[in-house]
Amino acid sequence: MEMIKVSANSRTSAVAGAIAGVIREHKHAEVQAIGAGAVNQAVKALVLATGYLEGDGIHIVCVPHFVDAKIDDEKIVTAIKLVIEPR
């Protein structure tokens, strides 16, 4: 399973659909965002995905983490990783 990477320009509904799809299929999803705009989009997508999944009777929880991420295999930055699983 791949990490769902979110940028400040990501479409919230597309990210929400990806989260919901991964949760339905794998019962576990990870979302990574670098920067305030990306974290904002990721959290909004998480809220939307919660609604999508509740319609299927799936309730989710999210645990946020700080992680180190590489950009262009060189620069290491701090990212937010959201680990999402059914409750």
N, C-alpha and C. Protein backbone atom coordinates (compact mmCIF):
# COMPACT_ATOMS: atom_id res chain seq x y z
N MET A 1 0.85 -1.18 0.00
CA MET A 1 0.00 0.00 0.00
C MET A 1 0.89 1.24 0.00
N GLU A 2 0.54 2.19 -0.85
CA GLU A 2 1.32 3.41 -0.96
C GLU A 2 0.79 4.50 -0.05
N MET A 3 1.68 5.40 0.30
CA MET A 3 1.33 6.58 1.08
C MET A 3 0.53 7.52 0.19
N ILE A 4 -0.56 8.08 0.71
CA ILE A 4 -1.32 9.10 -0.01
C ILE A 4 -0.65 10.43 0.29
N LYS A 5 -0.07 11.04 -0.72
CA LYS A 5 0.64 12.31 -0.52
C LYS A 5 -0.26 13.46 -0.94
N VAL A 6 -0.33 14.46 -0.07
CA VAL A 6 -1.22 15.59 -0.28
C VAL A 6 -0.40 16.86 -0.39
N SER A 7 -0.76 17.71 -1.35
CA SER A 7 -0.12 19.02 -1.48
C SER A 7 -1.17 20.10 -1.21
N ALA A 8 -0.72 21.32 -1.15
CA ALA A 8 -1.64 22.44 -0.92
C ALA A 8 -2.62 22.58 -2.08
N ASN A 9 -2.26 22.06 -3.26
CA ASN A 9 -3.11 22.17 -4.45
C ASN A 9 -3.96 20.93 -4.70
N SER A 10 -3.89 19.95 -3.82
CA SER A 10 -4.67 18.72 -3.99
C SER A 10 -6.16 19.02 -3.88
N ARG A 11 -6.95 18.32 -4.72
CA ARG A 11 -8.40 18.44 -4.63
C ARG A 11 -8.88 17.64 -3.43
N THR A 12 -9.56 18.32 -2.52
CA THR A 12 -10.00 17.70 -1.28
C THR A 12 -10.86 16.47 -1.54
N SER A 13 -11.79 16.56 -2.48
CA SER A 13 -12.69 15.43 -2.73
C SER A 13 -11.93 14.24 -3.31
N ALA A 14 -10.92 14.49 -4.12
CA ALA A 14 -10.12 13.39 -4.68
C ALA A 14 -9.33 12.68 -3.60
N VAL A 15 -8.74 13.45 -2.69
CA VAL A 15 -7.99 12.85 -1.58
C VAL A 15 -8.94 12.08 -0.66
N ALA A 16 -10.12 12.64 -0.40
CA ALA A 16 -11.11 11.95 0.44
C ALA A 16 -11.52 10.63 -0.19
N GLY A 17 -11.74 10.62 -1.49
CA GLY A 17 -12.08 9.39 -2.19
C GLY A 17 -10.97 8.36 -2.11
N ALA A 18 -9.72 8.83 -2.21
CA ALA A 18 -8.58 7.92 -2.10
C ALA A 18 -8.50 7.32 -0.71
N ILE A 19 -8.69 8.14 0.31
CA ILE A 19 -8.66 7.65 1.69
C ILE A 19 -9.76 6.61 1.89
N ALA A 20 -10.97 6.93 1.48
CA ALA A 20 -12.09 6.00 1.66
C ALA A 20 -11.84 4.70 0.91
N GLY A 21 -11.34 4.78 -0.30
CA GLY A 21 -11.07 3.58 -1.09
C GLY A 21 -10.01 2.69 -0.45
N VAL A 22 -8.95 3.30 0.04
CA VAL A 22 -7.87 2.53 0.68
C VAL A 22 -8.37 1.90 1.97
N ILE A 23 -9.15 2.62 2.74
CA ILE A 23 -9.70 2.07 3.99
C ILE A 23 -10.61 0.88 3.68
N ARG A 24 -11.46 1.02 2.67
CA ARG A 24 -12.36 -0.09 2.31
C ARG A 24 -11.57 -1.33 1.89
N GLU A 25 -10.50 -1.10 1.14
CA GLU A 25 -9.74 -2.23 0.60
C GLU A 25 -8.72 -2.81 1.59
N HIS A 26 -7.98 -1.94 2.28
CA HIS A 26 -6.86 -2.41 3.11
C HIS A 26 -7.08 -2.26 4.61
N LYS A 27 -8.15 -1.56 5.01
CA LYS A 27 -8.43 -1.32 6.45
C LYS A 27 -7.34 -0.50 7.14
N HIS A 28 -6.55 0.23 6.37
CA HIS A 28 -5.47 1.06 6.92
C HIS A 28 -5.02 2.03 5.83
N ALA A 29 -4.90 3.31 6.16
CA ALA A 29 -4.42 4.29 5.20
C ALA A 29 -3.44 5.24 5.88
N GLU A 30 -2.47 5.72 5.12
CA GLU A 30 -1.53 6.71 5.62
C GLU A 30 -1.49 7.88 4.65
N VAL A 31 -1.60 9.07 5.21
CA VAL A 31 -1.61 10.30 4.42
C VAL A 31 -0.44 11.15 4.88
N GLN A 32 0.31 11.70 3.93
CA GLN A 32 1.46 12.55 4.27
C GLN A 32 1.27 13.94 3.68
N ALA A 33 1.57 14.95 4.49
CA ALA A 33 1.44 16.34 4.06
C ALA A 33 2.64 17.13 4.58
N ILE A 34 3.19 17.97 3.71
CA ILE A 34 4.32 18.83 4.09
C ILE A 34 3.87 20.29 3.90
N GLY A 35 3.83 21.03 4.97
CA GLY A 35 3.44 22.44 4.91
C GLY A 35 2.02 22.67 5.37
N ALA A 36 1.76 23.88 5.78
CA ALA A 36 0.46 24.23 6.35
C ALA A 36 -0.69 24.04 5.37
N GLY A 37 -0.51 24.45 4.13
CA GLY A 37 -1.57 24.31 3.12
C GLY A 37 -1.90 22.86 2.85
N ALA A 38 -0.88 22.02 2.78
CA ALA A 38 -1.08 20.60 2.53
C ALA A 38 -1.77 19.93 3.72
N VAL A 39 -1.37 20.30 4.93
CA VAL A 39 -2.00 19.73 6.12
C VAL A 39 -3.47 20.15 6.16
N ASN A 40 -3.77 21.38 5.80
CA ASN A 40 -5.15 21.85 5.76
C ASN A 40 -5.97 21.00 4.79
N GLN A 41 -5.45 20.76 3.59
CA GLN A 41 -6.17 19.96 2.60
C GLN A 41 -6.35 18.52 3.10
N ALA A 42 -5.33 17.97 3.75
CA ALA A 42 -5.40 16.60 4.25
C ALA A 42 -6.47 16.46 5.33
N VAL A 43 -6.54 17.42 6.23
CA VAL A 43 -7.53 17.35 7.31
C VAL A 43 -8.94 17.53 6.75
N LYS A 44 -9.12 18.43 5.79
CA LYS A 44 -10.44 18.59 5.17
C LYS A 44 -10.84 17.30 4.45
N ALA A 45 -9.89 16.67 3.78
CA ALA A 45 -10.16 15.41 3.09
C ALA A 45 -10.53 14.31 4.08
N LEU A 46 -9.86 14.30 5.22
CA LEU A 46 -10.17 13.32 6.27
C LEU A 46 -11.61 13.48 6.75
N VAL A 47 -12.05 14.71 6.93
CA VAL A 47 -13.43 14.97 7.35
C VAL A 47 -14.41 14.47 6.30
N LEU A 48 -14.13 14.75 5.03
CA LEU A 48 -15.00 14.27 3.95
C LEU A 48 -15.01 12.74 3.90
N ALA A 49 -13.85 12.12 4.01
CA ALA A 49 -13.75 10.66 3.97
C ALA A 49 -14.54 10.04 5.11
N THR A 50 -14.53 10.68 6.27
CA THR A 50 -15.30 10.19 7.41
C THR A 50 -16.77 10.08 7.03
N GLY A 51 -17.28 11.10 6.37
CA GLY A 51 -18.68 11.08 5.91
C GLY A 51 -18.93 10.00 4.87
N TYR A 52 -18.01 9.84 3.92
CA TYR A 52 -18.16 8.80 2.89
C TYR A 52 -18.23 7.42 3.54
N LEU A 53 -17.36 7.17 4.50
CA LEU A 53 -17.27 5.85 5.11
C LEU A 53 -18.40 5.58 6.10
N GLU A 54 -18.88 6.62 6.77
CA GLU A 54 -19.99 6.42 7.71
C GLU A 54 -21.24 5.93 6.99
N GLY A 55 -21.38 6.33 5.73
CA GLY A 55 -22.49 5.83 4.92
C GLY A 55 -22.43 4.32 4.71
N ASP A 56 -21.23 3.75 4.82
CA ASP A 56 -21.03 2.30 4.69
C ASP A 56 -20.93 1.62 6.06
N GLY A 57 -21.17 2.38 7.13
CA GLY A 57 -21.10 1.82 8.47
C GLY A 57 -19.67 1.66 8.98
N ILE A 58 -18.72 2.34 8.36
CA ILE A 58 -17.32 2.27 8.78
C ILE A 58 -16.97 3.57 9.51
N HIS A 59 -16.57 3.45 10.76
CA HIS A 59 -16.16 4.61 11.55
C HIS A 59 -14.64 4.56 11.68
N ILE A 60 -13.99 5.68 11.46
CA ILE A 60 -12.53 5.71 11.45
C ILE A 60 -11.96 6.57 12.57
N VAL A 61 -10.72 6.29 12.89
CA VAL A 61 -9.95 7.12 13.81
C VAL A 61 -8.65 7.51 13.11
N CYS A 62 -8.08 8.62 13.55
CA CYS A 62 -6.85 9.12 12.95
C CYS A 62 -5.85 9.45 14.05
N VAL A 63 -4.62 8.99 13.85
CA VAL A 63 -3.54 9.31 14.78
C VAL A 63 -2.48 10.07 13.99
N PRO A 64 -2.22 11.34 14.34
CA PRO A 64 -1.21 12.12 13.61
C PRO A 64 0.19 11.89 14.18
N HIS A 65 1.18 11.96 13.30
CA HIS A 65 2.59 11.80 13.69
C HIS A 65 3.44 12.82 12.95
N PHE A 66 4.55 13.22 13.57
CA PHE A 66 5.60 13.95 12.86
C PHE A 66 6.54 12.90 12.28
N VAL A 67 6.93 13.08 11.03
CA VAL A 67 7.90 12.17 10.40
C VAL A 67 8.88 12.99 9.58
N ASP A 68 10.05 12.40 9.34
CA ASP A 68 11.02 13.02 8.43
C ASP A 68 10.74 12.52 7.03
N ALA A 69 10.73 13.43 6.07
CA ALA A 69 10.48 13.07 4.68
C ALA A 69 11.58 13.64 3.81
N LYS A 70 11.95 12.89 2.78
CA LYS A 70 12.96 13.36 1.84
C LYS A 70 12.29 14.01 0.64
N ILE A 71 12.85 15.11 0.21
CA ILE A 71 12.40 15.77 -1.01
C ILE A 71 13.54 15.67 -2.01
N ASP A 72 13.25 15.13 -3.19
CA ASP A 72 14.26 14.94 -4.23
C ASP A 72 15.44 14.11 -3.73
N ASP A 73 15.17 13.15 -2.86
CA ASP A 73 16.20 12.25 -2.31
C ASP A 73 17.35 12.97 -1.63
N GLU A 74 17.15 14.21 -1.22
CA GLU A 74 18.23 14.97 -0.58
C GLU A 74 17.76 15.66 0.69
N LYS A 75 16.95 16.67 0.52
CA LYS A 75 16.55 17.53 1.64
C LYS A 75 15.56 16.79 2.55
N ILE A 76 15.86 16.79 3.83
CA ILE A 76 14.97 16.16 4.81
C ILE A 76 14.16 17.26 5.49
N VAL A 77 12.84 17.07 5.47
CA VAL A 77 11.92 18.03 6.09
C VAL A 77 11.00 17.28 7.03
N THR A 78 10.34 18.03 7.90
CA THR A 78 9.35 17.42 8.80
C THR A 78 8.00 17.45 8.12
N ALA A 79 7.34 16.30 8.12
CA ALA A 79 6.02 16.16 7.52
C ALA A 79 5.05 15.69 8.59
N ILE A 80 3.78 15.81 8.27
CA ILE A 80 2.72 15.26 9.12
C ILE A 80 2.23 13.99 8.43
N LYS A 81 2.17 12.91 9.19
CA LYS A 81 1.61 11.67 8.68
C LYS A 81 0.35 11.36 9.48
N LEU A 82 -0.75 11.14 8.77
CA LEU A 82 -2.01 10.77 9.40
C LEU A 82 -2.22 9.28 9.19
N VAL A 83 -2.28 8.53 10.27
CA VAL A 83 -2.55 7.09 10.19
C VAL A 83 -4.03 6.90 10.49
N ILE A 84 -4.74 6.31 9.53
CA ILE A 84 -6.20 6.20 9.60
C ILE A 84 -6.58 4.73 9.59
N GLU A 85 -7.45 4.35 10.54
CA GLU A 85 -7.90 2.97 10.64
C GLU A 85 -9.35 2.94 11.11
N PRO A 86 -10.06 1.84 10.83
CA PRO A 86 -11.41 1.71 11.37
C PRO A 86 -11.37 1.64 12.90
N ARG A 87 -12.41 2.13 13.50
CA ARG A 87 -12.50 2.11 14.96
C ARG A 87 -12.97 0.75 15.42
